[in-house]
Amino acid sequence: MSEQPAPLVREWLDYLRIERGRSANTVATYARTMRTLPNAPTATREEVEAWWRQRAEGRAPSSRNNELSAVQSFYRWAVRFDHRDDDPTVRIDPVKVPKRVSRFVGRSDLDRLLAELPDDLRRAVALGAYGGLRVSEAAAVHWSDVNEESRRIIVRGKGDKERSVALPVGLLDLLMPNTGGYVVTGTDKTMSGHSLQLRVNRAIKAAGVDATFHKLRHRFGYKSAEAGIPPTSIARAMGHASLSTTMGYIAAVDSDLDLIGEAVTR
């Protein structure tokens, strides 16, 4: 399996970056996925289906669907621009993702991470838990995106769309000092979302906390819903494309369950 994408795959990646405006993190993720598919430009339907079955081992349904989305995007582009006559993913359906109640990092575990992690990972954890940022978004935040006066951070999310998130005093304190570079690294060099995710998740596990970076973001959504913030406002703050994603946090709070619990134990 080649470490470098095939020329046709590189052409597609350039198309995503230049013509479709995909972020560097998205392009890098798609490139990693395509490297797992042998002979992608000429792969047969049987070969692609074999790849899909092989990718089932040890991967969550959502991760598999993200990989399928990347591969299908490549073949749709290849057919559209006459590089292929067929789409070898035509018989592959996304994996059904079971609905789960949102789980998040508790206060004691969060306090432990903020106290024990090195400065760069501490800042990343703070952006996830108190800003609701995805790991790739946290990695890309530059101090030029931070407005200390208006208490806002400009975040570039999926599809390179920008949104504003709140910068409460507690979060600002955790991010300081202002180095003039990237917020997480504290330098003029950033790291990819993938690299940051690996480092943070390893550090979280080493600290004895059963969580991932994404569960920090879940905490942000849950706490916002618990405070009674309207779903549309939570969706805007978290960069959700669909309100149905946000409603998962509303369902997780479900304060009526407390009323039921009190009623049946009287």
C-alpha atoms as a PDB file:
ATOM      1  CA  MET A   1       0.000   0.000   0.000  1.00  0.00           C
ATOM      2  CA  SER A   2       1.598   3.260  -1.109  1.00  0.00           C
ATOM      3  CA  GLU A   3       2.141   6.051   1.403  1.00  0.00           C
ATOM      4  CA  GLN A   4       1.560   8.619  -1.335  1.00  0.00           C
ATOM      5  CA  PRO A   5      -1.846   8.845  -3.039  1.00  0.00           C
ATOM      6  CA  ALA A   6      -2.060   7.769  -6.672  1.00  0.00           C
ATOM      7  CA  PRO A   7      -1.920  10.663  -9.196  1.00  0.00           C
ATOM      8  CA  LEU A   8      -5.682  10.487  -9.830  1.00  0.00           C
ATOM      9  CA  VAL A   9      -6.391  10.555  -6.104  1.00  0.00           C
ATOM     10  CA  ARG A  10      -4.093  13.584  -5.732  1.00  0.00           C
ATOM     11  CA  GLU A  11      -6.003  15.304  -8.533  1.00  0.00           C
ATOM     12  CA  TRP A  12      -9.259  14.658  -6.683  1.00  0.00           C
ATOM     13  CA  LEU A  13      -7.801  15.957  -3.412  1.00  0.00           C
ATOM     14  CA  ASP A  14      -6.683  19.130  -5.193  1.00  0.00           C
ATOM     15  CA  TYR A  15     -10.202  19.477  -6.577  1.00  0.00           C
ATOM     16  CA  LEU A  16     -11.667  19.225  -3.073  1.00  0.00           C
ATOM     17  CA  ARG A  17      -9.254  21.810  -1.737  1.00  0.00           C
ATOM     18  CA  ILE A  18      -9.334  24.317  -4.601  1.00  0.00           C
ATOM     19  CA  GLU A  19     -12.741  23.955  -6.234  1.00  0.00           C
ATOM     20  CA  ARG A  20     -14.842  22.764  -3.305  1.00  0.00           C
ATOM     21  CA  GLY A  21     -13.099  24.723  -0.565  1.00  0.00           C
ATOM     22  CA  ARG A  22     -12.616  21.749   1.733  1.00  0.00           C
ATOM     23  CA  SER A  23     -10.458  22.414   4.765  1.00  0.00           C
ATOM     24  CA  ALA A  24      -6.922  21.090   5.060  1.00  0.00           C
ATOM     25  CA  ASN A  25      -8.035  18.752   7.837  1.00  0.00           C
ATOM     26  CA  THR A  26     -10.839  17.295   5.697  1.00  0.00           C
ATOM     27  CA  VAL A  27      -8.506  16.776   2.733  1.00  0.00           C
ATOM     28  CA  ALA A  28      -5.932  15.109   4.975  1.00  0.00           C
ATOM     29  CA  THR A  29      -8.582  12.802   6.436  1.00  0.00           C
ATOM     30  CA  TYR A  30      -9.805  11.826   2.963  1.00  0.00           C
ATOM     31  CA  ALA A  31      -6.216  11.179   1.883  1.00  0.00           C
ATOM     32  CA  ARG A  32      -5.654   8.848   4.839  1.00  0.00           C
ATOM     33  CA  THR A  33      -8.822   6.952   4.002  1.00  0.00           C
ATOM     34  CA  MET A  34      -7.881   6.529   0.347  1.00  0.00           C
ATOM     35  CA  ARG A  35      -4.507   5.108   1.366  1.00  0.00           C
ATOM     36  CA  THR A  36      -6.362   2.197   2.975  1.00  0.00           C
ATOM     37  CA  LEU A  37      -7.965   1.271  -0.381  1.00  0.00           C
ATOM     38  CA  PRO A  38      -5.490  -0.541  -2.668  1.00  0.00           C
ATOM     39  CA  ASN A  39      -5.469   0.462  -6.345  1.00  0.00           C
ATOM     40  CA  ALA A  40      -8.261   2.967  -5.823  1.00  0.00           C
ATOM     41  CA  PRO A  41      -8.288   4.468  -9.367  1.00  0.00           C
ATOM     42  CA  THR A  42      -8.714   1.059 -11.035  1.00  0.00           C
ATOM     43  CA  ALA A  43     -10.301  -0.985  -8.225  1.00  0.00           C
ATOM     44  CA  THR A  44     -13.155  -3.252  -9.261  1.00  0.00           C
ATOM     45  CA  ARG A  45     -16.501  -3.425  -7.517  1.00  0.00           C
ATOM     46  CA  GLU A  46     -15.453  -6.707  -5.906  1.00  0.00           C
ATOM     47  CA  GLU A  47     -12.197  -5.193  -4.645  1.00  0.00           C
ATOM     48  CA  VAL A  48     -13.943  -2.181  -3.151  1.00  0.00           C
ATOM     49  CA  GLU A  49     -16.561  -4.379  -1.504  1.00  0.00           C
ATOM     50  CA  ALA A  50     -13.787  -6.565  -0.055  1.00  0.00           C
ATOM     51  CA  TRP A  51     -12.132  -3.403   1.325  1.00  0.00           C
ATOM     52  CA  TRP A  52     -15.452  -2.406   2.907  1.00  0.00           C
ATOM     53  CA  ARG A  53     -15.838  -5.756   4.649  1.00  0.00           C
ATOM     54  CA  GLN A  54     -12.244  -5.648   5.860  1.00  0.00           C
ATOM     55  CA  ARG A  55     -12.740  -2.165   7.357  1.00  0.00           C
ATOM     56  CA  ALA A  56     -15.522  -3.525   9.593  1.00  0.00           C
ATOM     57  CA  GLU A  57     -13.059  -4.991  12.077  1.00  0.00           C
ATOM     58  CA  GLY A  58     -12.678  -2.926  15.210  1.00  0.00           C
ATOM     59  CA  ARG A  59     -14.293   0.240  13.835  1.00  0.00           C
ATOM     60  CA  ALA A  60     -17.362   2.053  15.045  1.00  0.00           C
ATOM     61  CA  PRO A  61     -20.258   2.408  12.569  1.00  0.00           C
ATOM     62  CA  SER A  62     -19.812   6.176  12.419  1.00  0.00           C
ATOM     63  CA  SER A  63     -16.105   5.804  11.578  1.00  0.00           C
ATOM     64  CA  ARG A  64     -16.882   3.300   8.827  1.00  0.00           C
ATOM     65  CA  ASN A  65     -19.517   5.620   7.376  1.00  0.00           C
ATOM     66  CA  ASN A  66     -17.036   8.501   7.321  1.00  0.00           C
ATOM     67  CA  GLU A  67     -14.612   6.320   5.365  1.00  0.00           C
ATOM     68  CA  LEU A  68     -17.348   5.240   2.958  1.00  0.00           C
ATOM     69  CA  SER A  69     -18.323   8.876   2.412  1.00  0.00           C
ATOM     70  CA  ALA A  70     -14.755   9.709   1.374  1.00  0.00           C
ATOM     71  CA  VAL A  71     -14.474   6.754  -1.021  1.00  0.00           C
ATOM     72  CA  GLN A  72     -17.876   7.404  -2.564  1.00  0.00           C
ATOM     73  CA  SER A  73     -16.938  11.056  -3.035  1.00  0.00           C
ATOM     74  CA  PHE A  74     -13.847   9.994  -4.987  1.00  0.00           C
ATOM     75  CA  TYR A  75     -15.731   7.662  -7.324  1.00  0.00           C
ATOM     76  CA  ARG A  76     -18.563  10.140  -7.944  1.00  0.00           C
ATOM     77  CA  TRP A  77     -15.919  12.683  -8.935  1.00  0.00           C
ATOM     78  CA  ALA A  78     -14.131  10.119 -11.116  1.00  0.00           C
ATOM     79  CA  VAL A  79     -17.343   9.283 -12.985  1.00  0.00           C
ATOM     80  CA  ARG A  80     -18.359  12.920 -13.325  1.00  0.00           C
ATOM     81  CA  PHE A  81     -15.038  13.892 -14.902  1.00  0.00           C
ATOM     82  CA  ASP A  82     -14.797  10.818 -17.153  1.00  0.00           C
ATOM     83  CA  HIS A  83     -11.976   9.093 -15.313  1.00  0.00           C
ATOM     84  CA  ARG A  84     -14.190   6.046 -14.815  1.00  0.00           C
ATOM     85  CA  ASP A  85     -17.344   4.659 -16.355  1.00  0.00           C
ATOM     86  CA  ASP A  86     -18.633   3.071 -13.185  1.00  0.00           C
ATOM     87  CA  ASP A  87     -18.958   3.634  -9.452  1.00  0.00           C
ATOM     88  CA  PRO A  88     -17.724   0.495  -7.660  1.00  0.00           C
ATOM     89  CA  THR A  89     -19.417   1.566  -4.397  1.00  0.00           C
ATOM     90  CA  VAL A  90     -22.900   1.395  -5.914  1.00  0.00           C
ATOM     91  CA  ARG A  91     -23.909  -1.683  -3.896  1.00  0.00           C
ATOM     92  CA  ILE A  92     -22.469  -0.483  -0.576  1.00  0.00           C
ATOM     93  CA  ASP A  93     -24.862   1.041   1.948  1.00  0.00           C
ATOM     94  CA  PRO A  94     -23.823   3.015   5.033  1.00  0.00           C
ATOM     95  CA  VAL A  95     -23.855   1.156   8.316  1.00  0.00           C
ATOM     96  CA  LYS A  96     -26.864   1.822  10.475  1.00  0.00           C
ATOM     97  CA  VAL A  97     -25.703   3.834  13.469  1.00  0.00           C
ATOM     98  CA  PRO A  98     -27.626   2.931  16.649  1.00  0.00           C
ATOM     99  CA  LYS A  99     -29.007   5.823  18.643  1.00  0.00           C
ATOM    100  CA  ARG A 100     -27.081   6.343  21.853  1.00  0.00           C
ATOM    101  CA  VAL A 101     -27.670   8.552  24.855  1.00  0.00           C
ATOM    102  CA  SER A 102     -25.002  11.247  24.889  1.00  0.00           C
ATOM    103  CA  ARG A 103     -22.193  10.585  27.366  1.00  0.00           C
ATOM    104  CA  PHE A 104     -19.905  13.340  28.527  1.00  0.00           C
ATOM    105  CA  VAL A 105     -16.945  14.082  30.780  1.00  0.00           C
ATOM    106  CA  GLY A 106     -17.970  14.762  34.372  1.00  0.00           C
ATOM    107  CA  ARG A 107     -16.812  17.731  36.430  1.00  0.00           C
ATOM    108  CA  SER A 108     -14.287  15.838  38.583  1.00  0.00           C
ATOM    109  CA  ASP A 109     -12.704  14.177  35.538  1.00  0.00           C
ATOM    110  CA  LEU A 110     -12.577  17.477  33.657  1.00  0.00           C
ATOM    111  CA  ASP A 111     -10.911  19.202  36.613  1.00  0.00           C
ATOM    112  CA  ARG A 112      -8.336  16.399  36.742  1.00  0.00           C
ATOM    113  CA  LEU A 113      -7.516  16.760  33.044  1.00  0.00           C
ATOM    114  CA  LEU A 114      -7.176  20.537  33.270  1.00  0.00           C
ATOM    115  CA  ALA A 115      -4.839  20.148  36.260  1.00  0.00           C
ATOM    116  CA  GLU A 116      -2.675  17.275  34.988  1.00  0.00           C
ATOM    117  CA  LEU A 117      -2.338  17.662  31.206  1.00  0.00           C
ATOM    118  CA  PRO A 118       0.546  19.623  29.632  1.00  0.00           C
ATOM    119  CA  ASP A 119      -0.237  23.181  28.589  1.00  0.00           C
ATOM    120  CA  ASP A 120      -0.992  22.509  24.924  1.00  0.00           C
ATOM    121  CA  LEU A 121      -3.370  19.612  25.642  1.00  0.00           C
ATOM    122  CA  ARG A 122      -4.944  21.543  28.520  1.00  0.00           C
ATOM    123  CA  ARG A 123      -5.817  24.341  26.101  1.00  0.00           C
ATOM    124  CA  ALA A 124      -7.253  21.814  23.642  1.00  0.00           C
ATOM    125  CA  VAL A 125      -9.384  20.221  26.377  1.00  0.00           C
ATOM    126  CA  ALA A 126     -10.653  23.657  27.420  1.00  0.00           C
ATOM    127  CA  LEU A 127     -11.708  24.476  23.856  1.00  0.00           C
ATOM    128  CA  GLY A 128     -13.602  21.201  23.630  1.00  0.00           C
ATOM    129  CA  ALA A 129     -15.334  21.347  27.003  1.00  0.00           C
ATOM    130  CA  TYR A 130     -15.996  25.095  27.307  1.00  0.00           C
ATOM    131  CA  GLY A 131     -16.134  26.095  23.634  1.00  0.00           C
ATOM    132  CA  GLY A 132     -17.762  23.020  22.127  1.00  0.00           C
ATOM    133  CA  LEU A 133     -15.120  22.802  19.392  1.00  0.00           C
ATOM    134  CA  ARG A 134     -14.334  19.697  17.368  1.00  0.00           C
ATOM    135  CA  VAL A 135     -10.744  18.543  17.727  1.00  0.00           C
ATOM    136  CA  SER A 136      -9.823  19.743  14.211  1.00  0.00           C
ATOM    137  CA  GLU A 137     -11.372  23.140  15.008  1.00  0.00           C
ATOM    138  CA  ALA A 138      -9.419  23.414  18.257  1.00  0.00           C
ATOM    139  CA  ALA A 139      -6.161  22.620  16.463  1.00  0.00           C
ATOM    140  CA  ALA A 140      -6.781  25.392  13.920  1.00  0.00           C
ATOM    141  CA  VAL A 141      -7.683  28.255  16.303  1.00  0.00           C
ATOM    142  CA  HIS A 142      -5.174  31.110  16.025  1.00  0.00           C
ATOM    143  CA  TRP A 143      -4.950  34.017  18.416  1.00  0.00           C
ATOM    144  CA  SER A 144      -5.989  36.259  15.523  1.00  0.00           C
ATOM    145  CA  ASP A 145      -9.364  34.448  15.726  1.00  0.00           C
ATOM    146  CA  VAL A 146      -9.769  35.406  19.392  1.00  0.00           C
ATOM    147  CA  ASN A 147     -11.413  38.717  20.294  1.00  0.00           C
ATOM    148  CA  GLU A 148     -10.812  39.333  23.983  1.00  0.00           C
ATOM    149  CA  GLU A 149     -12.935  42.506  23.958  1.00  0.00           C
ATOM    150  CA  SER A 150     -16.112  41.007  22.480  1.00  0.00           C
ATOM    151  CA  ARG A 151     -15.379  37.644  24.135  1.00  0.00           C
ATOM    152  CA  ARG A 152     -15.774  35.667  20.931  1.00  0.00           C
ATOM    153  CA  ILE A 153     -13.739  33.094  19.010  1.00  0.00           C
ATOM    154  CA  ILE A 154     -14.128  32.728  15.247  1.00  0.00           C
ATOM    155  CA  VAL A 155     -14.138  29.006  14.489  1.00  0.00           C
ATOM    156  CA  ARG A 156     -13.750  27.422  11.061  1.00  0.00           C
ATOM    157  CA  GLY A 157     -15.775  24.231  11.016  1.00  0.00           C
ATOM    158  CA  LYS A 158     -16.813  21.617   8.501  1.00  0.00           C
ATOM    159  CA  GLY A 159     -16.839  22.849   4.920  1.00  0.00           C
ATOM    160  CA  ASP A 160     -14.663  25.794   6.051  1.00  0.00           C
ATOM    161  CA  LYS A 161     -17.800  27.497   7.416  1.00  0.00           C
ATOM    162  CA  GLU A 162     -17.161  30.105  10.072  1.00  0.00           C
ATOM    163  CA  ARG A 163     -19.126  30.584  13.276  1.00  0.00           C
ATOM    164  CA  SER A 164     -18.686  32.537  16.504  1.00  0.00           C
ATOM    165  CA  VAL A 165     -18.492  30.868  19.897  1.00  0.00           C
ATOM    166  CA  ALA A 166     -18.521  32.479  23.306  1.00  0.00           C
ATOM    167  CA  LEU A 167     -15.276  33.138  25.174  1.00  0.00           C
ATOM    168  CA  PRO A 168     -16.190  33.180  28.881  1.00  0.00           C
ATOM    169  CA  VAL A 169     -13.628  34.457  31.351  1.00  0.00           C
ATOM    170  CA  GLY A 170     -12.908  30.942  32.622  1.00  0.00           C
ATOM    171  CA  LEU A 171     -12.064  29.702  29.137  1.00  0.00           C
ATOM    172  CA  LEU A 172      -9.916  32.736  28.344  1.00  0.00           C
ATOM    173  CA  ASP A 173      -7.921  32.191  31.536  1.00  0.00           C
ATOM    174  CA  LEU A 174      -7.222  28.599  30.505  1.00  0.00           C
ATOM    175  CA  LEU A 175      -6.052  29.682  27.043  1.00  0.00           C
ATOM    176  CA  MET A 176      -3.738  32.489  28.113  1.00  0.00           C
ATOM    177  CA  PRO A 177      -1.136  33.766  27.535  1.00  0.00           C
ATOM    178  CA  ASN A 178      -1.728  35.263  24.118  1.00  0.00           C
ATOM    179  CA  THR A 179       1.323  34.123  22.156  1.00  0.00           C
ATOM    180  CA  GLY A 180       0.190  35.580  18.850  1.00  0.00           C
ATOM    181  CA  GLY A 181       0.386  32.105  17.311  1.00  0.00           C
ATOM    182  CA  TYR A 182      -1.881  29.083  17.361  1.00  0.00           C
ATOM    183  CA  VAL A 183      -3.780  28.836  20.612  1.00  0.00           C
ATOM    184  CA  VAL A 184      -3.209  25.137  21.340  1.00  0.00           C
ATOM    185  CA  THR A 185       0.480  24.882  20.457  1.00  0.00           C
ATOM    186  CA  GLY A 186       1.337  28.400  21.601  1.00  0.00           C
ATOM    187  CA  THR A 187       3.614  28.754  18.552  1.00  0.00           C
ATOM    188  CA  ASP A 188       3.437  29.691  14.867  1.00  0.00           C
ATOM    189  CA  LYS A 189       3.145  25.991  14.014  1.00  0.00           C
ATOM    190  CA  THR A 190      -0.097  24.066  14.324  1.00  0.00           C
ATOM    191  CA  MET A 191      -0.806  20.344  14.313  1.00  0.00           C
ATOM    192  CA  SER A 192      -3.416  18.401  12.399  1.00  0.00           C
ATOM    193  CA  GLY A 193      -6.701  17.527  14.031  1.00  0.00           C
ATOM    194  CA  HIS A 194      -5.796  13.854  13.659  1.00  0.00           C
ATOM    195  CA  SER A 195      -2.498  14.268  15.507  1.00  0.00           C
ATOM    196  CA  LEU A 196      -4.110  16.344  18.248  1.00  0.00           C
ATOM    197  CA  GLN A 197      -6.867  13.802  18.712  1.00  0.00           C
ATOM    198  CA  LEU A 198      -4.375  10.961  19.116  1.00  0.00           C
ATOM    199  CA  ARG A 199      -2.331  12.929  21.653  1.00  0.00           C
ATOM    200  CA  VAL A 200      -5.320  14.126  23.672  1.00  0.00           C
ATOM    201  CA  ASN A 201      -7.022  10.736  23.769  1.00  0.00           C
ATOM    202  CA  ARG A 202      -3.808   9.026  24.870  1.00  0.00           C
ATOM    203  CA  ALA A 203      -3.302  11.646  27.586  1.00  0.00           C
ATOM    204  CA  ILE A 204      -6.905  11.322  28.767  1.00  0.00           C
ATOM    205  CA  LYS A 205      -6.505   7.567  29.081  1.00  0.00           C
ATOM    206  CA  ALA A 206      -3.172   7.954  30.880  1.00  0.00           C
ATOM    207  CA  ALA A 207      -4.871  10.275  33.374  1.00  0.00           C
ATOM    208  CA  GLY A 208      -7.294   7.468  34.232  1.00  0.00           C
ATOM    209  CA  VAL A 209     -10.319   9.142  32.656  1.00  0.00           C
ATOM    210  CA  ASP A 210     -12.696   7.015  30.578  1.00  0.00           C
ATOM    211  CA  ALA A 211     -13.351   9.521  27.827  1.00  0.00           C
ATOM    212  CA  THR A 212     -12.279  10.918  24.467  1.00  0.00           C
ATOM    213  CA  PHE A 213     -11.956  14.436  23.115  1.00  0.00           C
ATOM    214  CA  HIS A 214     -15.386  14.118  21.523  1.00  0.00           C
ATOM    215  CA  LYS A 215     -16.957  13.543  24.939  1.00  0.00           C
ATOM    216  CA  LEU A 216     -15.680  16.975  25.947  1.00  0.00           C
ATOM    217  CA  ARG A 217     -17.814  18.387  23.140  1.00  0.00           C
ATOM    218  CA  HIS A 218     -20.710  16.255  24.397  1.00  0.00           C
ATOM    219  CA  ARG A 219     -20.333  17.943  27.766  1.00  0.00           C
ATOM    220  CA  PHE A 220     -20.705  21.350  26.124  1.00  0.00           C
ATOM    221  CA  GLY A 221     -23.894  20.258  24.353  1.00  0.00           C
ATOM    222  CA  TYR A 222     -25.388  18.570  27.416  1.00  0.00           C
ATOM    223  CA  LYS A 223     -24.676  21.468  29.760  1.00  0.00           C
ATOM    224  CA  SER A 224     -26.116  23.942  27.248  1.00  0.00           C
ATOM    225  CA  ALA A 225     -29.307  21.878  26.979  1.00  0.00           C
ATOM    226  CA  GLU A 226     -29.470  21.469  30.762  1.00  0.00           C
ATOM    227  CA  ALA A 227     -29.363  25.262  31.119  1.00  0.00           C
ATOM    228  CA  GLY A 228     -32.426  25.555  28.883  1.00  0.00           C
ATOM    229  CA  ILE A 229     -30.648  27.106  25.890  1.00  0.00           C
ATOM    230  CA  PRO A 230     -32.840  26.810  22.754  1.00  0.00           C
ATOM    231  CA  PRO A 231     -31.807  23.939  20.458  1.00  0.00           C
ATOM    232  CA  THR A 232     -31.285  26.309  17.525  1.00  0.00           C
ATOM    233  CA  SER A 233     -28.775  28.333  19.567  1.00  0.00           C
ATOM    234  CA  ILE A 234     -26.919  25.186  20.662  1.00  0.00           C
ATOM    235  CA  ALA A 235     -26.802  23.980  17.047  1.00  0.00           C
ATOM    236  CA  ARG A 236     -25.372  27.317  15.927  1.00  0.00           C
ATOM    237  CA  ALA A 237     -22.738  27.324  18.671  1.00  0.00           C
ATOM    238  CA  MET A 238     -21.655  23.752  17.909  1.00  0.00           C
ATOM    239  CA  GLY A 239     -21.794  24.042  14.123  1.00  0.00           C
ATOM    240  CA  HIS A 240     -24.403  21.317  13.651  1.00  0.00           C
ATOM    241  CA  ALA A 241     -25.674  21.013  10.085  1.00  0.00           C
ATOM    242  CA  SER A 242     -28.832  19.271  11.290  1.00  0.00           C
ATOM    243  CA  LEU A 243     -30.975  20.138  14.296  1.00  0.00           C
ATOM    244  CA  SER A 244     -31.591  16.417  14.828  1.00  0.00           C
ATOM    245  CA  THR A 245     -27.993  16.117  16.051  1.00  0.00           C
ATOM    246  CA  THR A 246     -28.615  18.807  18.651  1.00  0.00           C
ATOM    247  CA  MET A 247     -31.826  17.166  19.822  1.00  0.00           C
ATOM    248  CA  GLY A 248     -29.758  14.256  21.111  1.00  0.00           C
ATOM    249  CA  TYR A 249     -28.529  16.534  23.898  1.00  0.00           C
ATOM    250  CA  ILE A 250     -32.060  17.667  24.680  1.00  0.00           C
ATOM    251  CA  ALA A 251     -33.141  14.036  24.966  1.00  0.00           C
ATOM    252  CA  ALA A 252     -30.182  13.241  27.230  1.00  0.00           C
ATOM    253  CA  VAL A 253     -31.212  15.955  29.706  1.00  0.00           C
ATOM    254  CA  ASP A 254     -34.933  15.001  29.786  1.00  0.00           C
ATOM    255  CA  SER A 255     -35.785  16.693  33.093  1.00  0.00           C
ATOM    256  CA  ASP A 256     -39.173  14.941  33.098  1.00  0.00           C
ATOM    257  CA  LEU A 257     -37.324  11.784  34.145  1.00  0.00           C
ATOM    258  CA  ASP A 258     -36.497  13.489  37.447  1.00  0.00           C
ATOM    259  CA  LEU A 259     -40.184  14.257  38.020  1.00  0.00           C
ATOM    260  CA  ILE A 260     -41.066  10.638  37.260  1.00  0.00           C
ATOM    261  CA  GLY A 261     -38.356   9.391  39.625  1.00  0.00           C
ATOM    262  CA  GLU A 262     -39.636  11.586  42.441  1.00  0.00           C
ATOM    263  CA  ALA A 263     -43.250  10.581  41.806  1.00  0.00           C
ATOM    264  CA  VAL A 264     -42.688   6.821  41.865  1.00  0.00           C
ATOM    265  CA  THR A 265     -40.520   6.864  45.001  1.00  0.00           C
ATOM    266  CA  ARG A 266     -42.918   8.797  47.199  1.00  0.00           C
END
